[in-house]
């Protein structure tokens, strides 16, 4: 295991991947704002990650596929796309609200920037520790 391969950095990596995926989904919603019958989609990740983190089971880490699993083996938390089929905004049955989508884009961009800053800070700390504090 490499020094930078820590659970917190792994979680931040998955969260950054989810934010990039969310950006694509929201951009697709914006691109289809005038498409008749289009239903907006959203990405669920934080809720799934929270459920995964709240599990109270102990699990052994497998470094080789031939190792025997210890404890409950859970799949890696991955973002899921969920379509909103219940609402309607326009007469053409499209449910994309451009103002809401743009606010989601801004929120997602802020989240992404904060995570990139945190990863950069953590890696800088590791580099400082490896260089003996210099």
C-alpha atoms as a PDB file:
ATOM      1  CA  UNK A   1       0.000   0.000   0.000  1.00  0.00           C
ATOM      2  CA  UNK A   2       1.422   3.354  -1.011  1.00  0.00           C
ATOM      3  CA  UNK A   3       1.552   6.213   1.483  1.00  0.00           C
ATOM      4  CA  UNK A   4      -0.982   8.224  -0.480  1.00  0.00           C
ATOM      5  CA  UNK A   5      -3.370   5.253  -0.770  1.00  0.00           C
ATOM      6  CA  UNK A   6      -5.322   6.095   2.383  1.00  0.00           C
ATOM      7  CA  UNK A   7      -9.043   5.610   3.044  1.00  0.00           C
ATOM      8  CA  UNK A   8      -9.654   9.365   3.214  1.00  0.00           C
ATOM      9  CA  UNK A   9      -7.923  10.038  -0.103  1.00  0.00           C
ATOM     10  CA  UNK A  10      -9.779   7.094  -1.642  1.00  0.00           C
ATOM     11  CA  UNK A  11     -13.079   8.544  -0.444  1.00  0.00           C
ATOM     12  CA  UNK A  12     -12.167  11.971  -1.794  1.00  0.00           C
ATOM     13  CA  UNK A  13     -11.248  10.384  -5.128  1.00  0.00           C
ATOM     14  CA  UNK A  14     -14.652   8.683  -5.359  1.00  0.00           C
ATOM     15  CA  UNK A  15     -16.366  11.936  -4.380  1.00  0.00           C
ATOM     16  CA  UNK A  16     -14.448  13.843  -7.080  1.00  0.00           C
ATOM     17  CA  UNK A  17     -15.459  11.202  -9.624  1.00  0.00           C
ATOM     18  CA  UNK A  18     -19.081  11.582  -8.525  1.00  0.00           C
ATOM     19  CA  UNK A  19     -18.847  15.387  -8.854  1.00  0.00           C
ATOM     20  CA  UNK A  20     -17.443  15.067 -12.386  1.00  0.00           C
ATOM     21  CA  UNK A  21     -20.218  12.620 -13.252  1.00  0.00           C
ATOM     22  CA  UNK A  22     -22.824  14.967 -11.729  1.00  0.00           C
ATOM     23  CA  UNK A  23     -21.450  17.791 -13.898  1.00  0.00           C
ATOM     24  CA  UNK A  24     -22.137  15.700 -17.016  1.00  0.00           C
ATOM     25  CA  UNK A  25     -25.651  14.806 -15.894  1.00  0.00           C
ATOM     26  CA  UNK A  26     -26.561  18.404 -15.050  1.00  0.00           C
ATOM     27  CA  UNK A  27     -25.058  19.608 -18.337  1.00  0.00           C
ATOM     28  CA  UNK A  28     -27.219  17.067 -20.146  1.00  0.00           C
ATOM     29  CA  UNK A  29     -30.275  18.448 -18.327  1.00  0.00           C
ATOM     30  CA  UNK A  30     -29.367  21.997 -19.380  1.00  0.00           C
ATOM     31  CA  UNK A  31     -28.757  20.908 -22.982  1.00  0.00           C
ATOM     32  CA  UNK A  32     -32.241  19.390 -23.087  1.00  0.00           C
ATOM     33  CA  UNK A  33     -34.113  22.289 -21.501  1.00  0.00           C
ATOM     34  CA  UNK A  34     -36.322  22.670 -24.601  1.00  0.00           C
ATOM     35  CA  UNK A  35     -36.556  19.002 -25.617  1.00  0.00           C
ATOM     36  CA  UNK A  36     -40.163  17.804 -25.504  1.00  0.00           C
ATOM     37  CA  UNK A  37     -40.859  14.964 -23.037  1.00  0.00           C
ATOM     38  CA  UNK A  38     -37.318  15.112 -21.618  1.00  0.00           C
ATOM     39  CA  UNK A  39     -37.116  14.238 -17.919  1.00  0.00           C
ATOM     40  CA  UNK A  40     -34.272  15.648 -15.873  1.00  0.00           C
ATOM     41  CA  UNK A  41     -31.872  13.338 -14.072  1.00  0.00           C
ATOM     42  CA  UNK A  42     -29.964  13.679 -10.844  1.00  0.00           C
ATOM     43  CA  UNK A  43     -27.003  11.858  -9.347  1.00  0.00           C
ATOM     44  CA  UNK A  44     -27.252  10.132  -5.997  1.00  0.00           C
ATOM     45  CA  UNK A  45     -23.924   9.590  -4.319  1.00  0.00           C
ATOM     46  CA  UNK A  46     -23.720  11.280  -0.951  1.00  0.00           C
ATOM     47  CA  UNK A  47     -26.764   9.383   0.345  1.00  0.00           C
ATOM     48  CA  UNK A  48     -25.304   6.065  -0.794  1.00  0.00           C
ATOM     49  CA  UNK A  49     -21.898   6.894   0.673  1.00  0.00           C
ATOM     50  CA  UNK A  50     -23.497   7.869   3.981  1.00  0.00           C
ATOM     51  CA  UNK A  51     -25.337   4.538   4.155  1.00  0.00           C
ATOM     52  CA  UNK A  52     -22.128   2.681   3.394  1.00  0.00           C
ATOM     53  CA  UNK A  53     -20.179   4.572   6.066  1.00  0.00           C
ATOM     54  CA  UNK A  54     -22.869   3.977   8.691  1.00  0.00           C
ATOM     55  CA  UNK A  55     -22.592   0.206   8.418  1.00  0.00           C
ATOM     56  CA  UNK A  56     -21.059  -1.219  11.564  1.00  0.00           C
ATOM     57  CA  UNK A  57     -19.357  -4.276  10.103  1.00  0.00           C
ATOM     58  CA  UNK A  58     -15.668  -5.091  10.202  1.00  0.00           C
ATOM     59  CA  UNK A  59     -14.084  -6.236   6.997  1.00  0.00           C
ATOM     60  CA  UNK A  60     -10.604  -7.455   6.137  1.00  0.00           C
ATOM     61  CA  UNK A  61      -8.706  -5.799   3.305  1.00  0.00           C
ATOM     62  CA  UNK A  62      -7.820  -8.109   0.422  1.00  0.00           C
ATOM     63  CA  UNK A  63      -4.586  -7.276  -1.380  1.00  0.00           C
ATOM     64  CA  UNK A  64      -4.918 -10.237  -3.730  1.00  0.00           C
ATOM     65  CA  UNK A  65      -8.036 -11.781  -5.276  1.00  0.00           C
ATOM     66  CA  UNK A  66      -6.904 -15.194  -3.998  1.00  0.00           C
ATOM     67  CA  UNK A  67      -7.141 -14.090  -0.355  1.00  0.00           C
ATOM     68  CA  UNK A  68     -10.092 -15.329   1.673  1.00  0.00           C
ATOM     69  CA  UNK A  69     -12.589 -12.534   2.404  1.00  0.00           C
ATOM     70  CA  UNK A  70     -12.974 -11.672   6.094  1.00  0.00           C
ATOM     71  CA  UNK A  71     -16.262 -10.133   7.161  1.00  0.00           C
ATOM     72  CA  UNK A  72     -18.841  -8.563   4.916  1.00  0.00           C
ATOM     73  CA  UNK A  73     -17.531  -7.615   1.505  1.00  0.00           C
ATOM     74  CA  UNK A  74     -19.295  -4.528   0.186  1.00  0.00           C
ATOM     75  CA  UNK A  75     -19.186  -3.167  -3.310  1.00  0.00           C
ATOM     76  CA  UNK A  76     -17.501   0.160  -3.871  1.00  0.00           C
ATOM     77  CA  UNK A  77     -19.982   3.004  -3.602  1.00  0.00           C
ATOM     78  CA  UNK A  78     -20.712   4.339  -7.053  1.00  0.00           C
ATOM     79  CA  UNK A  79     -22.909   7.254  -8.109  1.00  0.00           C
ATOM     80  CA  UNK A  80     -26.313   6.403  -9.533  1.00  0.00           C
ATOM     81  CA  UNK A  81     -28.393   8.370 -12.027  1.00  0.00           C
ATOM     82  CA  UNK A  82     -32.025   8.813 -11.046  1.00  0.00           C
ATOM     83  CA  UNK A  83     -34.579  10.266 -13.468  1.00  0.00           C
ATOM     84  CA  UNK A  84     -37.295  12.557 -12.108  1.00  0.00           C
ATOM     85  CA  UNK A  85     -40.440  11.183 -13.752  1.00  0.00           C
ATOM     86  CA  UNK A  86     -42.918  12.784 -11.332  1.00  0.00           C
ATOM     87  CA  UNK A  87     -42.717  16.499 -12.132  1.00  0.00           C
ATOM     88  CA  UNK A  88     -43.604  18.628 -15.148  1.00  0.00           C
ATOM     89  CA  UNK A  89     -42.451  22.213 -15.756  1.00  0.00           C
ATOM     90  CA  UNK A  90     -43.578  22.994 -19.318  1.00  0.00           C
ATOM     91  CA  UNK A  91     -46.515  22.243 -21.595  1.00  0.00           C
ATOM     92  CA  UNK A  92     -44.272  19.885 -23.575  1.00  0.00           C
ATOM     93  CA  UNK A  93     -43.936  17.624 -20.459  1.00  0.00           C
ATOM     94  CA  UNK A  94     -40.300  18.644 -19.978  1.00  0.00           C
ATOM     95  CA  UNK A  95     -39.349  19.112 -16.315  1.00  0.00           C
ATOM     96  CA  UNK A  96     -36.024  20.965 -16.576  1.00  0.00           C
ATOM     97  CA  UNK A  97     -35.910  24.264 -14.663  1.00  0.00           C
ATOM     98  CA  UNK A  98     -32.901  26.129 -16.057  1.00  0.00           C
ATOM     99  CA  UNK A  99     -32.452  28.286 -12.936  1.00  0.00           C
ATOM    100  CA  UNK A 100     -32.427  25.232 -10.677  1.00  0.00           C
ATOM    101  CA  UNK A 101     -29.979  23.389 -12.942  1.00  0.00           C
ATOM    102  CA  UNK A 102     -27.607  26.375 -13.065  1.00  0.00           C
ATOM    103  CA  UNK A 103     -27.700  26.597  -9.258  1.00  0.00           C
ATOM    104  CA  UNK A 104     -26.870  22.878  -9.084  1.00  0.00           C
ATOM    105  CA  UNK A 105     -23.960  23.430 -11.483  1.00  0.00           C
ATOM    106  CA  UNK A 106     -22.586  26.206  -9.272  1.00  0.00           C
ATOM    107  CA  UNK A 107     -23.018  24.117  -6.108  1.00  0.00           C
ATOM    108  CA  UNK A 108     -21.329  21.133  -7.738  1.00  0.00           C
ATOM    109  CA  UNK A 109     -18.430  23.288  -8.963  1.00  0.00           C
ATOM    110  CA  UNK A 110     -17.894  24.652  -5.453  1.00  0.00           C
ATOM    111  CA  UNK A 111     -17.931  21.131  -4.002  1.00  0.00           C
ATOM    112  CA  UNK A 112     -15.416  19.994  -6.624  1.00  0.00           C
ATOM    113  CA  UNK A 113     -13.094  22.946  -5.948  1.00  0.00           C
ATOM    114  CA  UNK A 114     -13.161  22.327  -2.183  1.00  0.00           C
ATOM    115  CA  UNK A 115     -12.359  18.645  -2.674  1.00  0.00           C
ATOM    116  CA  UNK A 116      -9.484  19.399  -5.053  1.00  0.00           C
ATOM    117  CA  UNK A 117      -8.111  21.860  -2.499  1.00  0.00           C
ATOM    118  CA  UNK A 118      -8.363  19.256   0.268  1.00  0.00           C
ATOM    119  CA  UNK A 119      -6.623  16.572  -1.817  1.00  0.00           C
ATOM    120  CA  UNK A 120      -3.888  19.054  -2.733  1.00  0.00           C
ATOM    121  CA  UNK A 121      -3.452  19.995   0.934  1.00  0.00           C
ATOM    122  CA  UNK A 122      -3.240  16.346   2.046  1.00  0.00           C
ATOM    123  CA  UNK A 123      -0.702  15.475  -0.653  1.00  0.00           C
ATOM    124  CA  UNK A 124       1.362  18.538   0.265  1.00  0.00           C
ATOM    125  CA  UNK A 125       1.382  17.330   3.889  1.00  0.00           C
ATOM    126  CA  UNK A 126       2.535  13.853   2.799  1.00  0.00           C
ATOM    127  CA  UNK A 127       5.322  15.393   0.725  1.00  0.00           C
ATOM    128  CA  UNK A 128       6.408  17.524   3.681  1.00  0.00           C
ATOM    129  CA  UNK A 129       6.437  14.468   5.938  1.00  0.00           C
ATOM    130  CA  UNK A 130       8.501  12.458   3.432  1.00  0.00           C
ATOM    131  CA  UNK A 131      11.001  15.308   3.116  1.00  0.00           C
ATOM    132  CA  UNK A 132      11.497  15.468   6.870  1.00  0.00           C
ATOM    133  CA  UNK A 133       9.495  18.654   7.408  1.00  0.00           C
ATOM    134  CA  UNK A 134      11.171  20.689   4.692  1.00  0.00           C
END
